[in-house]
Amino acid sequence: MLGLLGGIIGVGLGLGISKTVEYVAYQIYQAYLIKADISWILIVSMLLFAFAIGAISGALPARQAAKLKPVDALRL
């Protein structure tokens, strides 16, 4: 879930920065020289990727710790 939360924050920052750059460019040149076009498929795929990375990053150390004796796993 932390990976998904980080992905949501990252997508939000990316959207905010891209729209800010688009707005500033429009204010300076009074024309849409830069158009931030956001695809929903890209957003969903990035959130799934962030969730997968978070899940793998949590599962691999837990799997390694599960192979150890409980005392040794807590000591590490």
N, C-alpha and C. Protein backbone atom coordinates (compact mmCIF):
# COMPACT_ATOMS: atom_id res chain seq x y z
N MET A 1 0.81 -1.19 0.00
CA MET A 1 0.00 0.00 0.00
C MET A 1 0.86 1.27 0.00
N LEU A 2 2.06 1.17 0.59
CA LEU A 2 2.94 2.34 0.57
C LEU A 2 3.39 2.66 -0.85
N GLY A 3 3.62 1.63 -1.64
CA GLY A 3 4.00 1.86 -3.03
C GLY A 3 2.88 2.55 -3.80
N LEU A 4 1.66 2.13 -3.55
CA LEU A 4 0.51 2.75 -4.21
C LEU A 4 0.34 4.21 -3.76
N LEU A 5 0.52 4.46 -2.46
CA LEU A 5 0.43 5.82 -1.96
C LEU A 5 1.52 6.70 -2.56
N GLY A 6 2.73 6.16 -2.65
CA GLY A 6 3.82 6.91 -3.30
C GLY A 6 3.53 7.16 -4.77
N GLY A 7 2.92 6.19 -5.44
CA GLY A 7 2.54 6.36 -6.84
C GLY A 7 1.49 7.45 -7.01
N ILE A 8 0.53 7.50 -6.10
CA ILE A 8 -0.51 8.54 -6.16
C ILE A 8 0.11 9.91 -5.96
N ILE A 9 1.03 10.01 -4.99
CA ILE A 9 1.70 11.29 -4.76
C ILE A 9 2.53 11.68 -5.98
N GLY A 10 3.24 10.72 -6.56
CA GLY A 10 4.06 11.00 -7.74
C GLY A 10 3.23 11.43 -8.94
N VAL A 11 2.12 10.75 -9.17
CA VAL A 11 1.24 11.12 -10.28
C VAL A 11 0.66 12.51 -10.05
N GLY A 12 0.27 12.79 -8.81
CA GLY A 12 -0.27 14.10 -8.50
C GLY A 12 0.76 15.21 -8.71
N LEU A 13 1.99 14.97 -8.27
CA LEU A 13 3.05 15.96 -8.49
C LEU A 13 3.33 16.14 -9.98
N GLY A 14 3.39 15.05 -10.71
CA GLY A 14 3.64 15.13 -12.14
C GLY A 14 2.56 15.89 -12.88
N LEU A 15 1.31 15.61 -12.53
CA LEU A 15 0.20 16.34 -13.16
C LEU A 15 0.25 17.82 -12.80
N GLY A 16 0.51 18.10 -11.54
CA GLY A 16 0.57 19.49 -11.10
C GLY A 16 1.68 20.28 -11.77
N ILE A 17 2.86 19.68 -11.86
CA ILE A 17 3.99 20.36 -12.49
C ILE A 17 3.74 20.56 -13.98
N SER A 18 3.22 19.54 -14.65
CA SER A 18 2.99 19.67 -16.09
C SER A 18 1.92 20.72 -16.40
N LYS A 19 0.86 20.76 -15.62
CA LYS A 19 -0.18 21.76 -15.84
C LYS A 19 0.32 23.17 -15.48
N THR A 20 1.19 23.27 -14.46
CA THR A 20 1.76 24.56 -14.11
C THR A 20 2.64 25.10 -15.23
N VAL A 21 3.47 24.23 -15.80
CA VAL A 21 4.32 24.65 -16.92
C VAL A 21 3.45 25.07 -18.11
N GLU A 22 2.39 24.32 -18.38
CA GLU A 22 1.48 24.69 -19.47
C GLU A 22 0.85 26.05 -19.22
N TYR A 23 0.41 26.30 -18.00
CA TYR A 23 -0.23 27.56 -17.65
C TYR A 23 0.74 28.73 -17.75
N VAL A 24 1.96 28.55 -17.22
CA VAL A 24 2.97 29.62 -17.27
C VAL A 24 3.34 29.93 -18.72
N ALA A 25 3.51 28.90 -19.55
CA ALA A 25 3.83 29.13 -20.96
C ALA A 25 2.70 29.88 -21.66
N TYR A 26 1.47 29.56 -21.31
CA TYR A 26 0.34 30.27 -21.92
C TYR A 26 0.30 31.73 -21.46
N GLN A 27 0.59 31.98 -20.21
CA GLN A 27 0.58 33.35 -19.69
C GLN A 27 1.68 34.20 -20.33
N ILE A 28 2.82 33.60 -20.61
CA ILE A 28 3.94 34.35 -21.20
C ILE A 28 3.70 34.62 -22.68
N TYR A 29 3.30 33.59 -23.44
CA TYR A 29 3.20 33.71 -24.90
C TYR A 29 1.78 33.89 -25.43
N GLN A 30 0.78 33.79 -24.58
CA GLN A 30 -0.63 33.92 -24.96
C GLN A 30 -1.02 32.93 -26.06
N ALA A 31 -0.36 31.79 -26.06
CA ALA A 31 -0.67 30.72 -27.02
C ALA A 31 -0.30 29.39 -26.38
N TYR A 32 -0.98 28.36 -26.79
CA TYR A 32 -0.68 27.03 -26.26
C TYR A 32 0.49 26.41 -27.01
N LEU A 33 1.70 26.83 -26.65
CA LEU A 33 2.90 26.24 -27.25
C LEU A 33 3.20 24.88 -26.64
N ILE A 34 2.88 24.74 -25.37
CA ILE A 34 3.08 23.47 -24.66
C ILE A 34 1.71 23.01 -24.18
N LYS A 35 1.32 21.82 -24.55
CA LYS A 35 0.03 21.26 -24.15
C LYS A 35 0.29 19.97 -23.38
N ALA A 36 -0.08 19.95 -22.11
CA ALA A 36 0.09 18.76 -21.28
C ALA A 36 -1.10 17.83 -21.52
N ASP A 37 -0.88 16.79 -22.29
CA ASP A 37 -1.92 15.82 -22.60
C ASP A 37 -1.68 14.58 -21.75
N ILE A 38 -2.60 14.28 -20.85
CA ILE A 38 -2.43 13.19 -19.90
C ILE A 38 -3.35 12.03 -20.30
N SER A 39 -2.76 10.87 -20.44
CA SER A 39 -3.51 9.66 -20.79
C SER A 39 -3.90 8.91 -19.52
N TRP A 40 -5.17 8.53 -19.40
CA TRP A 40 -5.61 7.78 -18.23
C TRP A 40 -4.98 6.40 -18.19
N ILE A 41 -4.69 5.83 -19.34
CA ILE A 41 -4.04 4.52 -19.38
C ILE A 41 -2.64 4.62 -18.78
N LEU A 42 -1.94 5.70 -19.08
CA LEU A 42 -0.61 5.91 -18.52
C LEU A 42 -0.67 6.08 -17.00
N ILE A 43 -1.64 6.82 -16.52
CA ILE A 43 -1.78 7.02 -15.07
C ILE A 43 -2.06 5.70 -14.36
N VAL A 44 -2.99 4.93 -14.89
CA VAL A 44 -3.33 3.65 -14.27
C VAL A 44 -2.14 2.69 -14.31
N SER A 45 -1.43 2.66 -15.43
CA SER A 45 -0.28 1.75 -15.53
C SER A 45 0.84 2.17 -14.58
N MET A 46 1.04 3.47 -14.37
CA MET A 46 2.06 3.92 -13.42
C MET A 46 1.67 3.59 -11.98
N LEU A 47 0.38 3.69 -11.67
CA LEU A 47 -0.07 3.31 -10.32
C LEU A 47 0.08 1.81 -10.09
N LEU A 48 -0.22 1.01 -11.10
CA LEU A 48 -0.02 -0.44 -10.98
C LEU A 48 1.46 -0.79 -10.84
N PHE A 49 2.31 -0.09 -11.58
CA PHE A 49 3.75 -0.31 -11.49
C PHE A 49 4.26 0.05 -10.10
N ALA A 50 3.81 1.17 -9.55
CA ALA A 50 4.23 1.58 -8.21
C ALA A 50 3.76 0.57 -7.17
N PHE A 51 2.54 0.06 -7.32
CA PHE A 51 2.04 -0.96 -6.40
C PHE A 51 2.87 -2.23 -6.50
N ALA A 52 3.21 -2.65 -7.72
CA ALA A 52 3.99 -3.87 -7.90
C ALA A 52 5.38 -3.73 -7.29
N ILE A 53 6.04 -2.60 -7.50
CA ILE A 53 7.36 -2.38 -6.92
C ILE A 53 7.28 -2.39 -5.40
N GLY A 54 6.26 -1.76 -4.83
CA GLY A 54 6.08 -1.76 -3.38
C GLY A 54 5.82 -3.15 -2.84
N ALA A 55 5.02 -3.93 -3.55
CA ALA A 55 4.71 -5.29 -3.10
C ALA A 55 5.95 -6.17 -3.16
N ILE A 56 6.72 -6.05 -4.22
CA ILE A 56 7.94 -6.85 -4.34
C ILE A 56 8.96 -6.44 -3.28
N SER A 57 9.08 -5.14 -3.04
CA SER A 57 10.03 -4.65 -2.05
C SER A 57 9.66 -5.08 -0.64
N GLY A 58 8.40 -5.33 -0.39
CA GLY A 58 7.99 -5.81 0.93
C GLY A 58 8.02 -7.32 1.03
N ALA A 59 7.74 -8.01 -0.06
CA ALA A 59 7.63 -9.47 -0.02
C ALA A 59 8.99 -10.17 0.01
N LEU A 60 9.96 -9.65 -0.71
CA LEU A 60 11.26 -10.32 -0.75
C LEU A 60 11.96 -10.36 0.61
N PRO A 61 12.07 -9.27 1.35
CA PRO A 61 12.69 -9.37 2.68
C PRO A 61 11.87 -10.23 3.65
N ALA A 62 10.55 -10.18 3.53
CA ALA A 62 9.71 -11.01 4.40
C ALA A 62 9.92 -12.49 4.10
N ARG A 63 10.09 -12.81 2.83
CA ARG A 63 10.32 -14.20 2.45
C ARG A 63 11.67 -14.69 2.97
N GLN A 64 12.69 -13.83 2.88
CA GLN A 64 14.00 -14.19 3.40
C GLN A 64 13.95 -14.36 4.92
N ALA A 65 13.23 -13.50 5.61
CA ALA A 65 13.12 -13.60 7.07
C ALA A 65 12.33 -14.84 7.48
N ALA A 66 11.37 -15.26 6.65
CA ALA A 66 10.57 -16.44 6.98
C ALA A 66 11.39 -17.72 6.94
N LYS A 67 12.49 -17.71 6.20
CA LYS A 67 13.34 -18.89 6.10
C LYS A 67 14.25 -19.04 7.31
N LEU A 68 14.41 -17.99 8.10
CA LEU A 68 15.29 -18.02 9.26
C LEU A 68 14.54 -18.44 10.51
N LYS A 69 15.30 -18.77 11.54
CA LYS A 69 14.70 -19.01 12.85
C LYS A 69 14.18 -17.67 13.36
N PRO A 70 13.10 -17.67 14.14
CA PRO A 70 12.53 -16.40 14.61
C PRO A 70 13.53 -15.50 15.36
N VAL A 71 14.38 -16.09 16.17
CA VAL A 71 15.35 -15.29 16.92
C VAL A 71 16.35 -14.63 15.98
N ASP A 72 16.79 -15.38 14.96
CA ASP A 72 17.75 -14.83 14.01
C ASP A 72 17.10 -13.75 13.14
N ALA A 73 15.86 -13.93 12.78
CA ALA A 73 15.16 -12.93 11.95
C ALA A 73 14.98 -11.62 12.71
N LEU A 74 14.70 -11.72 14.01
CA LEU A 74 14.54 -10.49 14.81
C LEU A 74 15.88 -9.81 15.07
N ARG A 75 16.94 -10.57 15.12
CA ARG A 75 18.27 -10.02 15.39
C ARG A 75 18.75 -9.20 14.18
N LEU A 76 18.36 -9.57 12.96
CA LEU A 76 18.81 -8.86 11.77
C LEU A 76 18.02 -7.61 11.67
